[in-house]
Amino acid sequence: MILSAFALLSGVIPSEYAIVLASLLYPI
């Protein structure tokens, strides 16, 4: 889930922010 969200967000926002936002899916 994190990797899928990171790939989606990195095309919209800088990758360092994309990683942080994608990591919110970590608990699943």
mmCIF file of all heavy atoms, coordinates in Angstrom:
data_MODEL
# 
_entry.id   MODEL 
# 
loop_
_atom_site.group_PDB 
_atom_site.id 
_atom_site.type_symbol 
_atom_site.label_atom_id 
_atom_site.label_alt_id 
_atom_site.label_comp_id 
_atom_site.label_asym_id 
_atom_site.label_entity_id 
_atom_site.label_seq_id 
_atom_site.pdbx_PDB_ins_code 
_atom_site.Cartn_x 
_atom_site.Cartn_y 
_atom_site.Cartn_z 
_atom_site.occupancy 
_atom_site.B_iso_or_equiv 
_atom_site.pdbx_formal_charge 
_atom_site.auth_seq_id 
_atom_site.auth_comp_id 
_atom_site.auth_asym_id 
_atom_site.auth_atom_id 
_atom_site.pdbx_PDB_model_num 
ATOM 1   N N   . MET A 1 1  ? 0.828  -1.204 0.000   1.00 0.00 ? 1  MET A N   1 
ATOM 2   C CA  . MET A 1 1  ? 0.000  0.000  0.000   1.00 0.00 ? 1  MET A CA  1 
ATOM 3   C C   . MET A 1 1  ? 0.867  1.262  0.000   1.00 0.00 ? 1  MET A C   1 
ATOM 4   O O   . MET A 1 1  ? 0.577  2.231  -0.715  1.00 0.00 ? 1  MET A O   1 
ATOM 5   C CB  . MET A 1 1  ? -0.914 -0.007 1.224   1.00 0.00 ? 1  MET A CB  1 
ATOM 6   C CG  . MET A 1 1  ? -1.939 -1.126 1.236   1.00 0.00 ? 1  MET A CG  1 
ATOM 7   S SD  . MET A 1 1  ? -3.156 -0.963 -0.085  1.00 0.00 ? 1  MET A SD  1 
ATOM 8   C CE  . MET A 1 1  ? -3.975 0.555  0.394   1.00 0.00 ? 1  MET A CE  1 
ATOM 9   N N   . ILE A 1 2  ? 1.931  1.255  0.804   1.00 0.00 ? 2  ILE A N   1 
ATOM 10  C CA  . ILE A 1 2  ? 2.822  2.422  0.885   1.00 0.00 ? 2  ILE A CA  1 
ATOM 11  C C   . ILE A 1 2  ? 3.472  2.692  -0.467  1.00 0.00 ? 2  ILE A C   1 
ATOM 12  O O   . ILE A 1 2  ? 3.521  3.842  -0.936  1.00 0.00 ? 2  ILE A O   1 
ATOM 13  C CB  . ILE A 1 2  ? 3.899  2.203  1.962   1.00 0.00 ? 2  ILE A CB  1 
ATOM 14  C CG1 . ILE A 1 2  ? 3.272  2.243  3.360   1.00 0.00 ? 2  ILE A CG1 1 
ATOM 15  C CG2 . ILE A 1 2  ? 5.000  3.245  1.848   1.00 0.00 ? 2  ILE A CG2 1 
ATOM 16  C CD1 . ILE A 1 2  ? 4.224  1.815  4.459   1.00 0.00 ? 2  ILE A CD1 1 
ATOM 17  N N   . LEU A 1 3  ? 3.973  1.641  -1.100  1.00 0.00 ? 3  LEU A N   1 
ATOM 18  C CA  . LEU A 1 3  ? 4.661  1.797  -2.378  1.00 0.00 ? 3  LEU A CA  1 
ATOM 19  C C   . LEU A 1 3  ? 3.702  2.301  -3.458  1.00 0.00 ? 3  LEU A C   1 
ATOM 20  O O   . LEU A 1 3  ? 4.068  3.157  -4.279  1.00 0.00 ? 3  LEU A O   1 
ATOM 21  C CB  . LEU A 1 3  ? 5.287  0.466  -2.796  1.00 0.00 ? 3  LEU A CB  1 
ATOM 22  C CG  . LEU A 1 3  ? 6.370  0.506  -3.882  1.00 0.00 ? 3  LEU A CG  1 
ATOM 23  C CD1 . LEU A 1 3  ? 7.518  1.415  -3.452  1.00 0.00 ? 3  LEU A CD1 1 
ATOM 24  C CD2 . LEU A 1 3  ? 6.882  -0.911 -4.152  1.00 0.00 ? 3  LEU A CD2 1 
ATOM 25  N N   . SER A 1 4  ? 2.482  1.797  -3.464  1.00 0.00 ? 4  SER A N   1 
ATOM 26  C CA  . SER A 1 4  ? 1.483  2.248  -4.441  1.00 0.00 ? 4  SER A CA  1 
ATOM 27  C C   . SER A 1 4  ? 1.141  3.719  -4.231  1.00 0.00 ? 4  SER A C   1 
ATOM 28  O O   . SER A 1 4  ? 1.047  4.496  -5.194  1.00 0.00 ? 4  SER A O   1 
ATOM 29  C CB  . SER A 1 4  ? 0.214  1.395  -4.321  1.00 0.00 ? 4  SER A CB  1 
ATOM 30  O OG  . SER A 1 4  ? 0.487  0.033  -4.564  1.00 0.00 ? 4  SER A OG  1 
ATOM 31  N N   . ALA A 1 5  ? 0.958  4.112  -2.959  1.00 0.00 ? 5  ALA A N   1 
ATOM 32  C CA  . ALA A 1 5  ? 0.641  5.515  -2.661  1.00 0.00 ? 5  ALA A CA  1 
ATOM 33  C C   . ALA A 1 5  ? 1.824  6.425  -2.990  1.00 0.00 ? 5  ALA A C   1 
ATOM 34  O O   . ALA A 1 5  ? 1.643  7.535  -3.508  1.00 0.00 ? 5  ALA A O   1 
ATOM 35  C CB  . ALA A 1 5  ? 0.259  5.642  -1.183  1.00 0.00 ? 5  ALA A CB  1 
ATOM 36  N N   . PHE A 1 6  ? 3.040  5.952  -2.687  1.00 0.00 ? 6  PHE A N   1 
ATOM 37  C CA  . PHE A 1 6  ? 4.241  6.747  -2.980  1.00 0.00 ? 6  PHE A CA  1 
ATOM 38  C C   . PHE A 1 6  ? 4.383  6.994  -4.481  1.00 0.00 ? 6  PHE A C   1 
ATOM 39  O O   . PHE A 1 6  ? 4.681  8.121  -4.912  1.00 0.00 ? 6  PHE A O   1 
ATOM 40  C CB  . PHE A 1 6  ? 5.472  6.025  -2.439  1.00 0.00 ? 6  PHE A CB  1 
ATOM 41  C CG  . PHE A 1 6  ? 6.774  6.603  -2.907  1.00 0.00 ? 6  PHE A CG  1 
ATOM 42  C CD1 . PHE A 1 6  ? 7.163  7.878  -2.521  1.00 0.00 ? 6  PHE A CD1 1 
ATOM 43  C CD2 . PHE A 1 6  ? 7.615  5.871  -3.747  1.00 0.00 ? 6  PHE A CD2 1 
ATOM 44  C CE1 . PHE A 1 6  ? 8.369  8.426  -2.963  1.00 0.00 ? 6  PHE A CE1 1 
ATOM 45  C CE2 . PHE A 1 6  ? 8.820  6.411  -4.184  1.00 0.00 ? 6  PHE A CE2 1 
ATOM 46  C CZ  . PHE A 1 6  ? 9.190  7.683  -3.792  1.00 0.00 ? 6  PHE A CZ  1 
ATOM 47  N N   . ALA A 1 7  ? 4.160  5.966  -5.286  1.00 0.00 ? 7  ALA A N   1 
ATOM 48  C CA  . ALA A 1 7  ? 4.257  6.117  -6.743  1.00 0.00 ? 7  ALA A CA  1 
ATOM 49  C C   . ALA A 1 7  ? 3.220  7.104  -7.267  1.00 0.00 ? 7  ALA A C   1 
ATOM 50  O O   . ALA A 1 7  ? 3.496  7.896  -8.181  1.00 0.00 ? 7  ALA A O   1 
ATOM 51  C CB  . ALA A 1 7  ? 4.075  4.754  -7.407  1.00 0.00 ? 7  ALA A CB  1 
ATOM 52  N N   . LEU A 1 8  ? 2.037  7.081  -6.672  1.00 0.00 ? 8  LEU A N   1 
ATOM 53  C CA  . LEU A 1 8  ? 0.968  7.983  -7.101  1.00 0.00 ? 8  LEU A CA  1 
ATOM 54  C C   . LEU A 1 8  ? 1.265  9.428  -6.692  1.00 0.00 ? 8  LEU A C   1 
ATOM 55  O O   . LEU A 1 8  ? 1.120  10.362 -7.493  1.00 0.00 ? 8  LEU A O   1 
ATOM 56  C CB  . LEU A 1 8  ? -0.356 7.530  -6.492  1.00 0.00 ? 8  LEU A CB  1 
ATOM 57  C CG  . LEU A 1 8  ? -1.592 8.363  -6.831  1.00 0.00 ? 8  LEU A CG  1 
ATOM 58  C CD1 . LEU A 1 8  ? -1.899 8.279  -8.322  1.00 0.00 ? 8  LEU A CD1 1 
ATOM 59  C CD2 . LEU A 1 8  ? -2.786 7.892  -6.018  1.00 0.00 ? 8  LEU A CD2 1 
ATOM 60  N N   . LEU A 1 9  ? 1.736  9.611  -5.448  1.00 0.00 ? 9  LEU A N   1 
ATOM 61  C CA  . LEU A 1 9  ? 1.943  10.963 -4.926  1.00 0.00 ? 9  LEU A CA  1 
ATOM 62  C C   . LEU A 1 9  ? 3.218  11.616 -5.452  1.00 0.00 ? 9  LEU A C   1 
ATOM 63  O O   . LEU A 1 9  ? 3.278  12.844 -5.576  1.00 0.00 ? 9  LEU A O   1 
ATOM 64  C CB  . LEU A 1 9  ? 2.000  10.918 -3.397  1.00 0.00 ? 9  LEU A CB  1 
ATOM 65  C CG  . LEU A 1 9  ? 0.703  10.532 -2.683  1.00 0.00 ? 9  LEU A CG  1 
ATOM 66  C CD1 . LEU A 1 9  ? 0.959  10.347 -1.194  1.00 0.00 ? 9  LEU A CD1 1 
ATOM 67  C CD2 . LEU A 1 9  ? -0.367 11.595 -2.907  1.00 0.00 ? 9  LEU A CD2 1 
ATOM 68  N N   . SER A 1 10 ? 4.230  10.800 -5.751  1.00 0.00 ? 10 SER A N   1 
ATOM 69  C CA  . SER A 1 10 ? 5.514  11.371 -6.187  1.00 0.00 ? 10 SER A CA  1 
ATOM 70  C C   . SER A 1 10 ? 5.407  12.089 -7.525  1.00 0.00 ? 10 SER A C   1 
ATOM 71  O O   . SER A 1 10 ? 6.268  12.916 -7.858  1.00 0.00 ? 10 SER A O   1 
ATOM 72  C CB  . SER A 1 10 ? 6.578  10.276 -6.276  1.00 0.00 ? 10 SER A CB  1 
ATOM 73  O OG  . SER A 1 10 ? 6.191  9.271  -7.192  1.00 0.00 ? 10 SER A OG  1 
ATOM 74  N N   . GLY A 1 11 ? 4.378  11.788 -8.293  1.00 0.00 ? 11 GLY A N   1 
ATOM 75  C CA  . GLY A 1 11 ? 4.171  12.508 -9.549  1.00 0.00 ? 11 GLY A CA  1 
ATOM 76  C C   . GLY A 1 11 ? 3.475  13.834 -9.346  1.00 0.00 ? 11 GLY A C   1 
ATOM 77  O O   . GLY A 1 11 ? 3.347  14.621 -10.287 1.00 0.00 ? 11 GLY A O   1 
ATOM 78  N N   . VAL A 1 12 ? 3.017  14.102 -8.118  1.00 0.00 ? 12 VAL A N   1 
ATOM 79  C CA  . VAL A 1 12 ? 2.259  15.324 -7.834  1.00 0.00 ? 12 VAL A CA  1 
ATOM 80  C C   . VAL A 1 12 ? 3.016  16.253 -6.899  1.00 0.00 ? 12 VAL A C   1 
ATOM 81  O O   . VAL A 1 12 ? 3.006  17.473 -7.080  1.00 0.00 ? 12 VAL A O   1 
ATOM 82  C CB  . VAL A 1 12 ? 0.882  14.973 -7.213  1.00 0.00 ? 12 VAL A CB  1 
ATOM 83  C CG1 . VAL A 1 12 ? 0.074  16.230 -6.932  1.00 0.00 ? 12 VAL A CG1 1 
ATOM 84  C CG2 . VAL A 1 12 ? 0.117  14.022 -8.110  1.00 0.00 ? 12 VAL A CG2 1 
ATOM 85  N N   . ILE A 1 13 ? 3.672  15.673 -5.893  1.00 0.00 ? 13 ILE A N   1 
ATOM 86  C CA  . ILE A 1 13 ? 4.409  16.451 -4.900  1.00 0.00 ? 13 ILE A CA  1 
ATOM 87  C C   . ILE A 1 13 ? 5.842  15.923 -4.809  1.00 0.00 ? 13 ILE A C   1 
ATOM 88  O O   . ILE A 1 13 ? 6.134  14.830 -5.297  1.00 0.00 ? 13 ILE A O   1 
ATOM 89  C CB  . ILE A 1 13 ? 3.729  16.378 -3.514  1.00 0.00 ? 13 ILE A CB  1 
ATOM 90  C CG1 . ILE A 1 13 ? 3.638  14.920 -3.039  1.00 0.00 ? 13 ILE A CG1 1 
ATOM 91  C CG2 . ILE A 1 13 ? 2.337  16.992 -3.555  1.00 0.00 ? 13 ILE A CG2 1 
ATOM 92  C CD1 . ILE A 1 13 ? 3.049  14.776 -1.639  1.00 0.00 ? 13 ILE A CD1 1 
ATOM 93  N N   . PRO A 1 14 ? 6.747  16.683 -4.197  1.00 0.00 ? 14 PRO A N   1 
ATOM 94  C CA  . PRO A 1 14 ? 8.135  16.200 -4.058  1.00 0.00 ? 14 PRO A CA  1 
ATOM 95  C C   . PRO A 1 14 ? 8.186  14.848 -3.357  1.00 0.00 ? 14 PRO A C   1 
ATOM 96  O O   . PRO A 1 14 ? 7.383  14.555 -2.471  1.00 0.00 ? 14 PRO A O   1 
ATOM 97  C CB  . PRO A 1 14 ? 8.794  17.293 -3.206  1.00 0.00 ? 14 PRO A CB  1 
ATOM 98  C CG  . PRO A 1 14 ? 8.003  18.520 -3.495  1.00 0.00 ? 14 PRO A CG  1 
ATOM 99  C CD  . PRO A 1 14 ? 6.598  18.058 -3.706  1.00 0.00 ? 14 PRO A CD  1 
ATOM 100 N N   . SER A 1 15 ? 9.159  14.033 -3.738  1.00 0.00 ? 15 SER A N   1 
ATOM 101 C CA  . SER A 1 15 ? 9.221  12.652 -3.265  1.00 0.00 ? 15 SER A CA  1 
ATOM 102 C C   . SER A 1 15 ? 9.369  12.546 -1.749  1.00 0.00 ? 15 SER A C   1 
ATOM 103 O O   . SER A 1 15 ? 8.843  11.620 -1.138  1.00 0.00 ? 15 SER A O   1 
ATOM 104 C CB  . SER A 1 15 ? 10.363 11.901 -3.948  1.00 0.00 ? 15 SER A CB  1 
ATOM 105 O OG  . SER A 1 15 ? 11.603 12.534 -3.671  1.00 0.00 ? 15 SER A OG  1 
ATOM 106 N N   . GLU A 1 16 ? 10.088 13.507 -1.113  1.00 0.00 ? 16 GLU A N   1 
ATOM 107 C CA  . GLU A 1 16 ? 10.271 13.427 0.339   1.00 0.00 ? 16 GLU A CA  1 
ATOM 108 C C   . GLU A 1 16 ? 8.936  13.587 1.073   1.00 0.00 ? 16 GLU A C   1 
ATOM 109 O O   . GLU A 1 16 ? 8.701  12.953 2.106   1.00 0.00 ? 16 GLU A O   1 
ATOM 110 C CB  . GLU A 1 16 ? 11.277 14.468 0.834   1.00 0.00 ? 16 GLU A CB  1 
ATOM 111 C CG  . GLU A 1 16 ? 10.959 15.905 0.506   1.00 0.00 ? 16 GLU A CG  1 
ATOM 112 C CD  . GLU A 1 16 ? 11.560 16.377 -0.814  1.00 0.00 ? 16 GLU A CD  1 
ATOM 113 O OE1 . GLU A 1 16 ? 11.837 15.517 -1.661  1.00 0.00 ? 16 GLU A OE1 1 
ATOM 114 O OE2 . GLU A 1 16 ? 11.746 17.601 -0.966  1.00 0.00 ? 16 GLU A OE2 1 
ATOM 115 N N   . TYR A 1 17 ? 8.047  14.407 0.524   1.00 0.00 ? 17 TYR A N   1 
ATOM 116 C CA  . TYR A 1 17 ? 6.718  14.549 1.118   1.00 0.00 ? 17 TYR A CA  1 
ATOM 117 C C   . TYR A 1 17 ? 5.830  13.365 0.750   1.00 0.00 ? 17 TYR A C   1 
ATOM 118 O O   . TYR A 1 17 ? 4.978  12.942 1.544   1.00 0.00 ? 17 TYR A O   1 
ATOM 119 C CB  . TYR A 1 17 ? 6.071  15.852 0.664   1.00 0.00 ? 17 TYR A CB  1 
ATOM 120 C CG  . TYR A 1 17 ? 6.810  17.083 1.112   1.00 0.00 ? 17 TYR A CG  1 
ATOM 121 C CD1 . TYR A 1 17 ? 7.423  17.930 0.187   1.00 0.00 ? 17 TYR A CD1 1 
ATOM 122 C CD2 . TYR A 1 17 ? 6.914  17.409 2.463   1.00 0.00 ? 17 TYR A CD2 1 
ATOM 123 C CE1 . TYR A 1 17 ? 8.111  19.057 0.590   1.00 0.00 ? 17 TYR A CE1 1 
ATOM 124 C CE2 . TYR A 1 17 ? 7.605  18.533 2.877   1.00 0.00 ? 17 TYR A CE2 1 
ATOM 125 C CZ  . TYR A 1 17 ? 8.199  19.357 1.940   1.00 0.00 ? 17 TYR A CZ  1 
ATOM 126 O OH  . TYR A 1 17 ? 8.890  20.467 2.351   1.00 0.00 ? 17 TYR A OH  1 
ATOM 127 N N   . ALA A 1 18 ? 6.010  12.853 -0.430  1.00 0.00 ? 18 ALA A N   1 
ATOM 128 C CA  . ALA A 1 18 ? 5.223  11.695 -0.867  1.00 0.00 ? 18 ALA A CA  1 
ATOM 129 C C   . ALA A 1 18 ? 5.491  10.487 0.019   1.00 0.00 ? 18 ALA A C   1 
ATOM 130 O O   . ALA A 1 18 ? 4.571  9.744  0.372   1.00 0.00 ? 18 ALA A O   1 
ATOM 131 C CB  . ALA A 1 18 ? 5.548  11.360 -2.326  1.00 0.00 ? 18 ALA A CB  1 
ATOM 132 N N   . ILE A 1 19 ? 6.764  10.289 0.394   1.00 0.00 ? 19 ILE A N   1 
ATOM 133 C CA  . ILE A 1 19 ? 7.118  9.167  1.264   1.00 0.00 ? 19 ILE A CA  1 
ATOM 134 C C   . ILE A 1 19 ? 6.462  9.316  2.640   1.00 0.00 ? 19 ILE A C   1 
ATOM 135 O O   . ILE A 1 19 ? 5.920  8.359  3.196   1.00 0.00 ? 19 ILE A O   1 
ATOM 136 C CB  . ILE A 1 19 ? 8.648  9.049  1.406   1.00 0.00 ? 19 ILE A CB  1 
ATOM 137 C CG1 . ILE A 1 19 ? 9.245  8.497  0.111   1.00 0.00 ? 19 ILE A CG1 1 
ATOM 138 C CG2 . ILE A 1 19 ? 9.028  8.150  2.578   1.00 0.00 ? 19 ILE A CG2 1 
ATOM 139 C CD1 . ILE A 1 19 ? 10.750 8.353  0.127   1.00 0.00 ? 19 ILE A CD1 1 
ATOM 140 N N   . VAL A 1 20 ? 6.499  10.533 3.193   1.00 0.00 ? 20 VAL A N   1 
ATOM 141 C CA  . VAL A 1 20 ? 5.912  10.771 4.520   1.00 0.00 ? 20 VAL A CA  1 
ATOM 142 C C   . VAL A 1 20 ? 4.401  10.523 4.494   1.00 0.00 ? 20 VAL A C   1 
ATOM 143 O O   . VAL A 1 20 ? 3.847  9.867  5.385   1.00 0.00 ? 20 VAL A O   1 
ATOM 144 C CB  . VAL A 1 20 ? 6.217  12.205 4.994   1.00 0.00 ? 20 VAL A CB  1 
ATOM 145 C CG1 . VAL A 1 20 ? 5.453  12.508 6.285   1.00 0.00 ? 20 VAL A CG1 1 
ATOM 146 C CG2 . VAL A 1 20 ? 7.708  12.382 5.215   1.00 0.00 ? 20 VAL A CG2 1 
ATOM 147 N N   . LEU A 1 21 ? 3.723  11.034 3.483   1.00 0.00 ? 21 LEU A N   1 
ATOM 148 C CA  . LEU A 1 21 ? 2.271  10.840 3.401   1.00 0.00 ? 21 LEU A CA  1 
ATOM 149 C C   . LEU A 1 21 ? 1.921  9.372  3.159   1.00 0.00 ? 21 LEU A C   1 
ATOM 150 O O   . LEU A 1 21 ? 0.978  8.843  3.751   1.00 0.00 ? 21 LEU A O   1 
ATOM 151 C CB  . LEU A 1 21 ? 1.700  11.716 2.275   1.00 0.00 ? 21 LEU A CB  1 
ATOM 152 C CG  . LEU A 1 21 ? 1.677  13.222 2.536   1.00 0.00 ? 21 LEU A CG  1 
ATOM 153 C CD1 . LEU A 1 21 ? 1.160  13.969 1.324   1.00 0.00 ? 21 LEU A CD1 1 
ATOM 154 C CD2 . LEU A 1 21 ? 0.816  13.539 3.758   1.00 0.00 ? 21 LEU A CD2 1 
ATOM 155 N N   . ALA A 1 22 ? 2.688  8.709  2.299   1.00 0.00 ? 22 ALA A N   1 
ATOM 156 C CA  . ALA A 1 22 ? 2.423  7.298  2.018   1.00 0.00 ? 22 ALA A CA  1 
ATOM 157 C C   . ALA A 1 22 ? 2.634  6.433  3.255   1.00 0.00 ? 22 ALA A C   1 
ATOM 158 O O   . ALA A 1 22 ? 1.944  5.416  3.447   1.00 0.00 ? 22 ALA A O   1 
ATOM 159 C CB  . ALA A 1 22 ? 3.325  6.809  0.882   1.00 0.00 ? 22 ALA A CB  1 
ATOM 160 N N   . SER A 1 23 ? 3.556  6.850  4.123   1.00 0.00 ? 23 SER A N   1 
ATOM 161 C CA  . SER A 1 23 ? 3.854  6.062  5.325   1.00 0.00 ? 23 SER A CA  1 
ATOM 162 C C   . SER A 1 23 ? 2.695  6.026  6.311   1.00 0.00 ? 23 SER A C   1 
ATOM 163 O O   . SER A 1 23 ? 2.685  5.211  7.235   1.00 0.00 ? 23 SER A O   1 
ATOM 164 C CB  . SER A 1 23 ? 5.102  6.621  6.017   1.00 0.00 ? 23 SER A CB  1 
ATOM 165 O OG  . SER A 1 23 ? 4.847  7.915  6.549   1.00 0.00 ? 23 SER A OG  1 
ATOM 166 N N   . LEU A 1 24 ? 1.712  6.888  6.137   1.00 0.00 ? 24 LEU A N   1 
ATOM 167 C CA  . LEU A 1 24 ? 0.539  6.868  7.007   1.00 0.00 ? 24 LEU A CA  1 
ATOM 168 C C   . LEU A 1 24 ? -0.271 5.584  6.822   1.00 0.00 ? 24 LEU A C   1 
ATOM 169 O O   . LEU A 1 24 ? -1.133 5.263  7.657   1.00 0.00 ? 24 LEU A O   1 
ATOM 170 C CB  . LEU A 1 24 ? -0.340 8.095  6.743   1.00 0.00 ? 24 LEU A CB  1 
ATOM 171 C CG  . LEU A 1 24 ? 0.309  9.459  7.051   1.00 0.00 ? 24 LEU A CG  1 
ATOM 172 C CD1 . LEU A 1 24 ? -0.637 10.594 6.684   1.00 0.00 ? 24 LEU A CD1 1 
ATOM 173 C CD2 . LEU A 1 24 ? 0.702  9.546  8.523   1.00 0.00 ? 24 LEU A CD2 1 
ATOM 174 N N   . LEU A 1 25 ? -0.002 4.855  5.737   1.00 0.00 ? 25 LEU A N   1 
ATOM 175 C CA  . LEU A 1 25 ? -0.664 3.567  5.500   1.00 0.00 ? 25 LEU A CA  1 
ATOM 176 C C   . LEU A 1 25 ? 0.075  2.419  6.189   1.00 0.00 ? 25 LEU A C   1 
ATOM 177 O O   . LEU A 1 25 ? -0.345 1.264  6.089   1.00 0.00 ? 25 LEU A O   1 
ATOM 178 C CB  . LEU A 1 25 ? -0.746 3.292  3.997   1.00 0.00 ? 25 LEU A CB  1 
ATOM 179 C CG  . LEU A 1 25 ? -1.599 4.276  3.184   1.00 0.00 ? 25 LEU A CG  1 
ATOM 180 C CD1 . LEU A 1 25 ? -1.416 4.029  1.689   1.00 0.00 ? 25 LEU A CD1 1 
ATOM 181 C CD2 . LEU A 1 25 ? -3.064 4.153  3.565   1.00 0.00 ? 25 LEU A CD2 1 
ATOM 182 N N   . TYR A 1 26 ? 1.138  2.737  6.872   1.00 0.00 ? 26 TYR A N   1 
ATOM 183 C CA  . TYR A 1 26 ? 1.979  1.738  7.542   1.00 0.00 ? 26 TYR A CA  1 
ATOM 184 C C   . TYR A 1 26 ? 1.205  0.804  8.486   1.00 0.00 ? 26 TYR A C   1 
ATOM 185 O O   . TYR A 1 26 ? 1.504  -0.389 8.559   1.00 0.00 ? 26 TYR A O   1 
ATOM 186 C CB  . TYR A 1 26 ? 3.057  2.492  8.316   1.00 0.00 ? 26 TYR A CB  1 
ATOM 187 C CG  . TYR A 1 26 ? 4.301  1.708  8.666   1.00 0.00 ? 26 TYR A CG  1 
ATOM 188 C CD1 . TYR A 1 26 ? 5.283  1.453  7.717   1.00 0.00 ? 26 TYR A CD1 1 
ATOM 189 C CD2 . TYR A 1 26 ? 4.518  1.250  9.969   1.00 0.00 ? 26 TYR A CD2 1 
ATOM 190 C CE1 . TYR A 1 26 ? 6.446  0.775  8.043   1.00 0.00 ? 26 TYR A CE1 1 
ATOM 191 C CE2 . TYR A 1 26 ? 5.677  0.564  10.304  1.00 0.00 ? 26 TYR A CE2 1 
ATOM 192 C CZ  . TYR A 1 26 ? 6.629  0.326  9.336   1.00 0.00 ? 26 TYR A CZ  1 
ATOM 193 O OH  . TYR A 1 26 ? 7.775  -0.361 9.659   1.00 0.00 ? 26 TYR A OH  1 
ATOM 194 N N   . PRO A 1 27 ? 0.203  1.287  9.234   1.00 0.00 ? 27 PRO A N   1 
ATOM 195 C CA  . PRO A 1 27 ? -0.447 0.420  10.225  1.00 0.00 ? 27 PRO A CA  1 
ATOM 196 C C   . PRO A 1 27 ? -1.296 -0.716 9.651   1.00 0.00 ? 27 PRO A C   1 
ATOM 197 O O   . PRO A 1 27 ? -1.664 -1.635 10.398  1.00 0.00 ? 27 PRO A O   1 
ATOM 198 C CB  . PRO A 1 27 ? -1.349 1.397  11.013  1.00 0.00 ? 27 PRO A CB  1 
ATOM 199 C CG  . PRO A 1 27 ? -0.769 2.741  10.780  1.00 0.00 ? 27 PRO A CG  1 
ATOM 200 C CD  . PRO A 1 27 ? -0.219 2.695  9.383   1.00 0.00 ? 27 PRO A CD  1 
ATOM 201 N N   . ILE A 1 28 ? -1.632 -0.681 8.360   1.00 0.00 ? 28 ILE A N   1 
ATOM 202 C CA  . ILE A 1 28 ? -2.603 -1.649 7.822   1.00 0.00 ? 28 ILE A CA  1 
ATOM 203 C C   . ILE A 1 28 ? -2.176 -3.090 8.080   1.00 0.00 ? 28 ILE A C   1 
ATOM 204 O O   . ILE A 1 28 ? -2.938 -3.905 8.616   1.00 0.00 ? 28 ILE A O   1 
ATOM 205 C CB  . ILE A 1 28 ? -2.821 -1.417 6.306   1.00 0.00 ? 28 ILE A CB  1 
ATOM 206 C CG1 . ILE A 1 28 ? -3.492 -0.066 6.079   1.00 0.00 ? 28 ILE A CG1 1 
ATOM 207 C CG2 . ILE A 1 28 ? -3.659 -2.537 5.698   1.00 0.00 ? 28 ILE A CG2 1 
ATOM 208 C CD1 . ILE A 1 28 ? -3.646 0.316  4.625   1.00 0.00 ? 28 ILE A CD1 1 
# 
